[in-house]
Amino acid sequence: MVHPSHTKTVNKHVNPFKHYFPHTQSVVNEYCIEHIFCGVPNNSCPPYLCCPPKSF
């Protein structure tokens, strides 16, 4: 009598995938410049200055 047999060897390999989440931080400072013209400049005041009204 023949009694066949079979042995199966399974080799499992695990590849670990490591997930990293590096974090960076930055700061932005923004500046705005406004040019405000207070009426029409006259000859006694340079055009780039805001001339207050003259009191009499």
Protein backbone atom coordinates (compact mmCIF):
# COMPACT_ATOMS: atom_id res chain seq x y z
CA MET A 1 0.00 0.00 0.00
CA VAL A 2 1.15 3.48 -0.83
CA HIS A 3 0.07 6.38 1.35
CA PRO A 4 1.16 9.58 -0.36
CA SER A 5 1.76 12.63 1.76
CA HIS A 6 2.72 16.21 1.06
CA THR A 7 4.31 18.85 3.26
CA LYS A 8 3.97 22.49 2.26
CA THR A 9 6.18 25.08 3.91
CA VAL A 10 4.98 28.68 3.71
CA ASN A 11 7.46 31.44 4.52
CA LYS A 12 5.74 34.76 5.20
CA HIS A 13 7.71 37.95 5.16
CA VAL A 14 6.24 41.09 6.69
CA ASN A 15 7.47 44.43 5.44
CA PRO A 16 6.58 47.09 7.98
CA PHE A 17 5.63 50.42 6.47
CA LYS A 18 6.29 53.11 9.01
CA HIS A 19 4.34 56.30 8.43
CA TYR A 20 5.82 59.52 9.76
CA PHE A 21 4.08 62.88 9.69
CA PRO A 22 6.65 65.62 10.16
CA HIS A 23 5.14 69.04 10.78
CA THR A 24 6.60 72.45 10.10
CA GLN A 25 5.30 75.86 11.08
CA SER A 26 5.90 79.30 9.66
CA VAL A 27 4.82 82.85 10.43
CA VAL A 28 4.11 85.58 7.88
CA ASN A 29 3.95 89.24 8.88
CA GLU A 30 2.16 91.42 6.35
CA TYR A 31 2.25 95.20 6.25
CA CYS A 32 0.08 97.63 4.34
CA ILE A 33 0.74 101.28 3.55
CA GLU A 34 -2.13 103.67 2.96
CA HIS A 35 -1.76 107.06 1.31
CA ILE A 36 -4.45 109.42 2.58
CA PHE A 37 -4.92 112.75 0.83
CA CYS A 38 -6.81 115.33 2.89
CA GLY A 39 -8.17 117.67 0.26
CA VAL A 40 -6.18 119.52 -2.38
CA PRO A 41 -2.69 120.60 -1.25
CA ASN A 42 -1.82 124.30 -1.53
CA ASN A 43 1.55 126.03 -2.02
CA SER A 44 2.28 126.33 1.72
CA CYS A 45 2.16 122.57 2.25
CA PRO A 46 4.10 119.93 0.25
CA PRO A 47 1.79 117.62 -1.73
CA TYR A 48 2.82 114.51 0.19
CA LEU A 49 1.65 115.83 3.58
CA CYS A 50 -1.87 115.99 4.94
CA CYS A 51 -2.62 119.67 5.48
CA PRO A 52 -5.06 120.44 8.29
CA PRO A 53 -7.46 123.32 7.67
CA LYS A 54 -6.10 126.71 8.70
CA SER A 55 -7.94 128.55 11.46
CA PHE A 56 -8.40 132.32 11.10
